[in-house]
Amino acid sequence: KKTANSKDSTGAIKSYQLIATSEFNIENKDNNERIIINENFIMDKNENKFDEKNYERTIKLNFASSITQKLLLKLNSIK
């Protein structure tokens, strides 16, 4: 999700907040567990739309990597 985080005095957006929420339901014979992992980042607006999109894409890839690592840690603790 991408939302406006701050605006200047004219009302133009200065920064965005990027939010990723992932929900996993882990089921095994002993128990069921729900894991929710949240990531967020404040990104400054860039006047160059191409650079802004590339930066946003990089942040989203970092979110995915971080969520994967957190999920693996949680799965390793469930036994």
N, C-alpha and C. Protein backbone atom coordinates (compact mmCIF):
# COMPACT_ATOMS: atom_id res chain seq x y z
N LYS A 1 0.86 -1.16 0.00
CA LYS A 1 0.00 0.00 0.00
C LYS A 1 0.91 1.23 0.00
N LYS A 2 0.55 2.22 -0.78
CA LYS A 2 1.32 3.45 -0.88
C LYS A 2 0.39 4.62 -0.57
N THR A 3 0.72 5.36 0.50
CA THR A 3 -0.11 6.50 0.89
C THR A 3 0.75 7.74 1.05
N ALA A 4 0.13 8.90 0.91
CA ALA A 4 0.84 10.16 1.14
C ALA A 4 1.20 10.24 2.62
N ASN A 5 2.44 10.59 2.89
CA ASN A 5 2.89 10.69 4.27
C ASN A 5 2.97 12.14 4.72
N SER A 6 3.49 13.02 3.85
CA SER A 6 3.58 14.43 4.19
C SER A 6 3.39 15.28 2.94
N LYS A 7 2.93 16.51 3.19
CA LYS A 7 2.70 17.45 2.09
C LYS A 7 3.35 18.78 2.44
N ASP A 8 3.69 19.55 1.40
CA ASP A 8 4.24 20.87 1.65
C ASP A 8 3.10 21.89 1.83
N SER A 9 3.46 23.16 1.95
CA SER A 9 2.45 24.19 2.22
C SER A 9 1.46 24.38 1.07
N THR A 10 1.83 23.94 -0.13
CA THR A 10 0.91 24.05 -1.27
C THR A 10 0.01 22.84 -1.42
N GLY A 11 0.26 21.83 -0.60
CA GLY A 11 -0.54 20.61 -0.66
C GLY A 11 0.06 19.53 -1.53
N ALA A 12 1.24 19.79 -2.10
CA ALA A 12 1.92 18.79 -2.93
C ALA A 12 2.58 17.74 -2.02
N ILE A 13 2.52 16.51 -2.45
CA ILE A 13 3.09 15.41 -1.66
C ILE A 13 4.61 15.52 -1.62
N LYS A 14 5.17 15.41 -0.40
CA LYS A 14 6.63 15.43 -0.21
C LYS A 14 7.18 14.03 0.02
N SER A 15 6.38 13.16 0.65
CA SER A 15 6.85 11.80 0.92
C SER A 15 5.67 10.84 0.97
N TYR A 16 5.99 9.57 0.76
CA TYR A 16 5.01 8.50 0.78
C TYR A 16 5.37 7.50 1.86
N GLN A 17 4.37 6.80 2.36
CA GLN A 17 4.61 5.68 3.25
C GLN A 17 4.24 4.41 2.49
N LEU A 18 5.20 3.49 2.42
CA LEU A 18 4.95 2.19 1.79
C LEU A 18 4.73 1.18 2.91
N ILE A 19 3.66 0.39 2.79
CA ILE A 19 3.31 -0.59 3.82
C ILE A 19 3.06 -1.93 3.15
N ALA A 20 3.68 -2.97 3.70
CA ALA A 20 3.44 -4.34 3.24
C ALA A 20 3.01 -5.16 4.44
N THR A 21 1.91 -5.87 4.30
CA THR A 21 1.42 -6.77 5.34
C THR A 21 1.25 -8.16 4.73
N SER A 22 1.88 -9.13 5.36
CA SER A 22 1.78 -10.52 4.90
C SER A 22 1.22 -11.37 6.02
N GLU A 23 0.28 -12.23 5.66
CA GLU A 23 -0.36 -13.10 6.64
C GLU A 23 -0.18 -14.55 6.20
N PHE A 24 0.27 -15.37 7.14
CA PHE A 24 0.50 -16.79 6.87
C PHE A 24 -0.24 -17.62 7.90
N ASN A 25 -0.90 -18.67 7.45
CA ASN A 25 -1.55 -19.62 8.35
C ASN A 25 -0.75 -20.92 8.30
N ILE A 26 -0.15 -21.27 9.43
CA ILE A 26 0.67 -22.47 9.52
C ILE A 26 -0.15 -23.55 10.23
N GLU A 27 -0.33 -24.65 9.55
CA GLU A 27 -1.11 -25.75 10.13
C GLU A 27 -0.25 -27.01 10.18
N ASN A 28 -0.22 -27.64 11.33
CA ASN A 28 0.38 -28.97 11.45
C ASN A 28 -0.47 -29.78 12.41
N LYS A 29 -0.09 -31.02 12.67
CA LYS A 29 -0.98 -31.87 13.47
C LYS A 29 -1.09 -31.42 14.92
N ASP A 30 -0.09 -30.70 15.44
CA ASP A 30 -0.12 -30.28 16.85
C ASP A 30 -0.85 -28.96 17.08
N ASN A 31 -0.71 -28.04 16.14
CA ASN A 31 -1.37 -26.74 16.35
C ASN A 31 -1.51 -25.97 15.03
N ASN A 32 -2.27 -24.91 15.10
CA ASN A 32 -2.43 -23.98 13.99
C ASN A 32 -1.94 -22.62 14.48
N GLU A 33 -1.20 -21.94 13.64
CA GLU A 33 -0.66 -20.65 14.04
C GLU A 33 -0.81 -19.65 12.89
N ARG A 34 -1.16 -18.45 13.25
CA ARG A 34 -1.29 -17.37 12.28
C ARG A 34 -0.13 -16.40 12.49
N ILE A 35 0.59 -16.11 11.43
CA ILE A 35 1.74 -15.22 11.50
C ILE A 35 1.45 -14.00 10.63
N ILE A 36 1.58 -12.82 11.22
CA ILE A 36 1.40 -11.58 10.47
C ILE A 36 2.72 -10.81 10.54
N ILE A 37 3.24 -10.44 9.38
CA ILE A 37 4.49 -9.70 9.31
C ILE A 37 4.21 -8.37 8.59
N ASN A 38 4.60 -7.28 9.24
CA ASN A 38 4.40 -5.94 8.68
C ASN A 38 5.74 -5.29 8.39
N GLU A 39 5.81 -4.59 7.29
CA GLU A 39 6.98 -3.79 6.93
C GLU A 39 6.47 -2.42 6.51
N ASN A 40 7.21 -1.35 6.86
CA ASN A 40 6.84 -0.03 6.37
C ASN A 40 8.09 0.81 6.17
N PHE A 41 7.96 1.78 5.29
CA PHE A 41 9.09 2.63 4.93
C PHE A 41 8.56 3.97 4.45
N ILE A 42 9.22 5.06 4.87
CA ILE A 42 8.88 6.40 4.40
C ILE A 42 9.83 6.72 3.23
N MET A 43 9.24 7.04 2.09
CA MET A 43 10.01 7.30 0.88
C MET A 43 9.77 8.74 0.43
N ASP A 44 10.84 9.51 0.23
CA ASP A 44 10.70 10.87 -0.28
C ASP A 44 10.26 10.84 -1.73
N LYS A 45 9.44 11.82 -2.10
CA LYS A 45 9.00 11.93 -3.48
C LYS A 45 10.18 12.40 -4.34
N ASN A 46 10.28 11.84 -5.52
CA ASN A 46 11.32 12.22 -6.46
C ASN A 46 10.65 12.85 -7.67
N GLU A 47 11.15 13.97 -8.12
CA GLU A 47 10.55 14.64 -9.29
C GLU A 47 10.71 13.81 -10.55
N ASN A 48 11.74 12.99 -10.60
CA ASN A 48 11.95 12.11 -11.75
C ASN A 48 11.15 10.83 -11.51
N LYS A 49 10.05 10.66 -12.21
CA LYS A 49 9.13 9.53 -11.99
C LYS A 49 9.80 8.18 -12.24
N PHE A 50 10.69 8.12 -13.22
CA PHE A 50 11.39 6.87 -13.52
C PHE A 50 12.25 6.44 -12.33
N ASP A 51 13.02 7.39 -11.78
CA ASP A 51 13.87 7.09 -10.62
C ASP A 51 13.02 6.73 -9.40
N GLU A 52 11.89 7.43 -9.23
CA GLU A 52 11.01 7.14 -8.10
C GLU A 52 10.45 5.72 -8.19
N LYS A 53 10.02 5.30 -9.39
CA LYS A 53 9.48 3.95 -9.58
C LYS A 53 10.56 2.89 -9.32
N ASN A 54 11.78 3.13 -9.79
CA ASN A 54 12.87 2.19 -9.55
C ASN A 54 13.19 2.08 -8.06
N TYR A 55 13.20 3.21 -7.37
CA TYR A 55 13.46 3.21 -5.93
C TYR A 55 12.34 2.47 -5.19
N GLU A 56 11.10 2.72 -5.59
CA GLU A 56 9.97 2.03 -4.97
C GLU A 56 10.06 0.52 -5.20
N ARG A 57 10.44 0.12 -6.40
CA ARG A 57 10.60 -1.30 -6.72
C ARG A 57 11.68 -1.94 -5.83
N THR A 58 12.78 -1.23 -5.63
CA THR A 58 13.86 -1.73 -4.77
C THR A 58 13.38 -1.90 -3.33
N ILE A 59 12.61 -0.95 -2.84
CA ILE A 59 12.07 -1.04 -1.48
C ILE A 59 11.15 -2.25 -1.35
N LYS A 60 10.32 -2.47 -2.36
CA LYS A 60 9.40 -3.62 -2.33
C LYS A 60 10.16 -4.94 -2.36
N LEU A 61 11.24 -5.00 -3.12
CA LEU A 61 12.08 -6.21 -3.13
C LEU A 61 12.72 -6.43 -1.77
N ASN A 62 13.14 -5.34 -1.12
CA ASN A 62 13.70 -5.46 0.23
C ASN A 62 12.64 -5.92 1.22
N PHE A 63 11.41 -5.44 1.07
CA PHE A 63 10.30 -5.91 1.90
C PHE A 63 10.15 -7.42 1.76
N ALA A 64 10.13 -7.89 0.51
CA ALA A 64 9.94 -9.32 0.25
C ALA A 64 11.06 -10.14 0.89
N SER A 65 12.28 -9.67 0.78
CA SER A 65 13.41 -10.38 1.37
C SER A 65 13.30 -10.41 2.90
N SER A 66 12.96 -9.28 3.48
CA SER A 66 12.83 -9.19 4.93
C SER A 66 11.69 -10.08 5.44
N ILE A 67 10.56 -10.07 4.76
CA ILE A 67 9.42 -10.90 5.16
C ILE A 67 9.79 -12.38 5.06
N THR A 68 10.50 -12.75 4.00
CA THR A 68 10.93 -14.14 3.84
C THR A 68 11.83 -14.57 4.99
N GLN A 69 12.80 -13.72 5.35
CA GLN A 69 13.71 -14.05 6.45
C GLN A 69 12.96 -14.17 7.78
N LYS A 70 12.03 -13.26 8.03
CA LYS A 70 11.26 -13.32 9.28
C LYS A 70 10.38 -14.57 9.33
N LEU A 71 9.79 -14.93 8.20
CA LEU A 71 8.97 -16.14 8.15
C LEU A 71 9.82 -17.38 8.39
N LEU A 72 10.98 -17.44 7.77
CA LEU A 72 11.87 -18.60 7.98
C LEU A 72 12.31 -18.72 9.43
N LEU A 73 12.62 -17.60 10.07
CA LEU A 73 12.98 -17.64 11.49
C LEU A 73 11.83 -18.16 12.33
N LYS A 74 10.64 -17.70 12.03
CA LYS A 74 9.46 -18.15 12.79
C LYS A 74 9.20 -19.64 12.56
N LEU A 75 9.33 -20.09 11.31
CA LEU A 75 9.11 -21.49 11.00
C LEU A 75 10.14 -22.39 11.69
N ASN A 76 11.37 -21.91 11.78
CA ASN A 76 12.40 -22.69 12.45
C ASN A 76 12.15 -22.81 13.97
N SER A 77 11.44 -21.83 14.52
CA SER A 77 11.15 -21.89 15.96
C SER A 77 9.93 -22.77 16.28
N ILE A 78 9.15 -23.10 15.26
CA ILE A 78 7.98 -23.98 15.45
C ILE A 78 8.41 -25.42 15.23
N LYS A 79 8.28 -26.22 16.25
CA LYS A 79 8.63 -27.63 16.10
C LYS A 79 7.74 -28.51 16.94
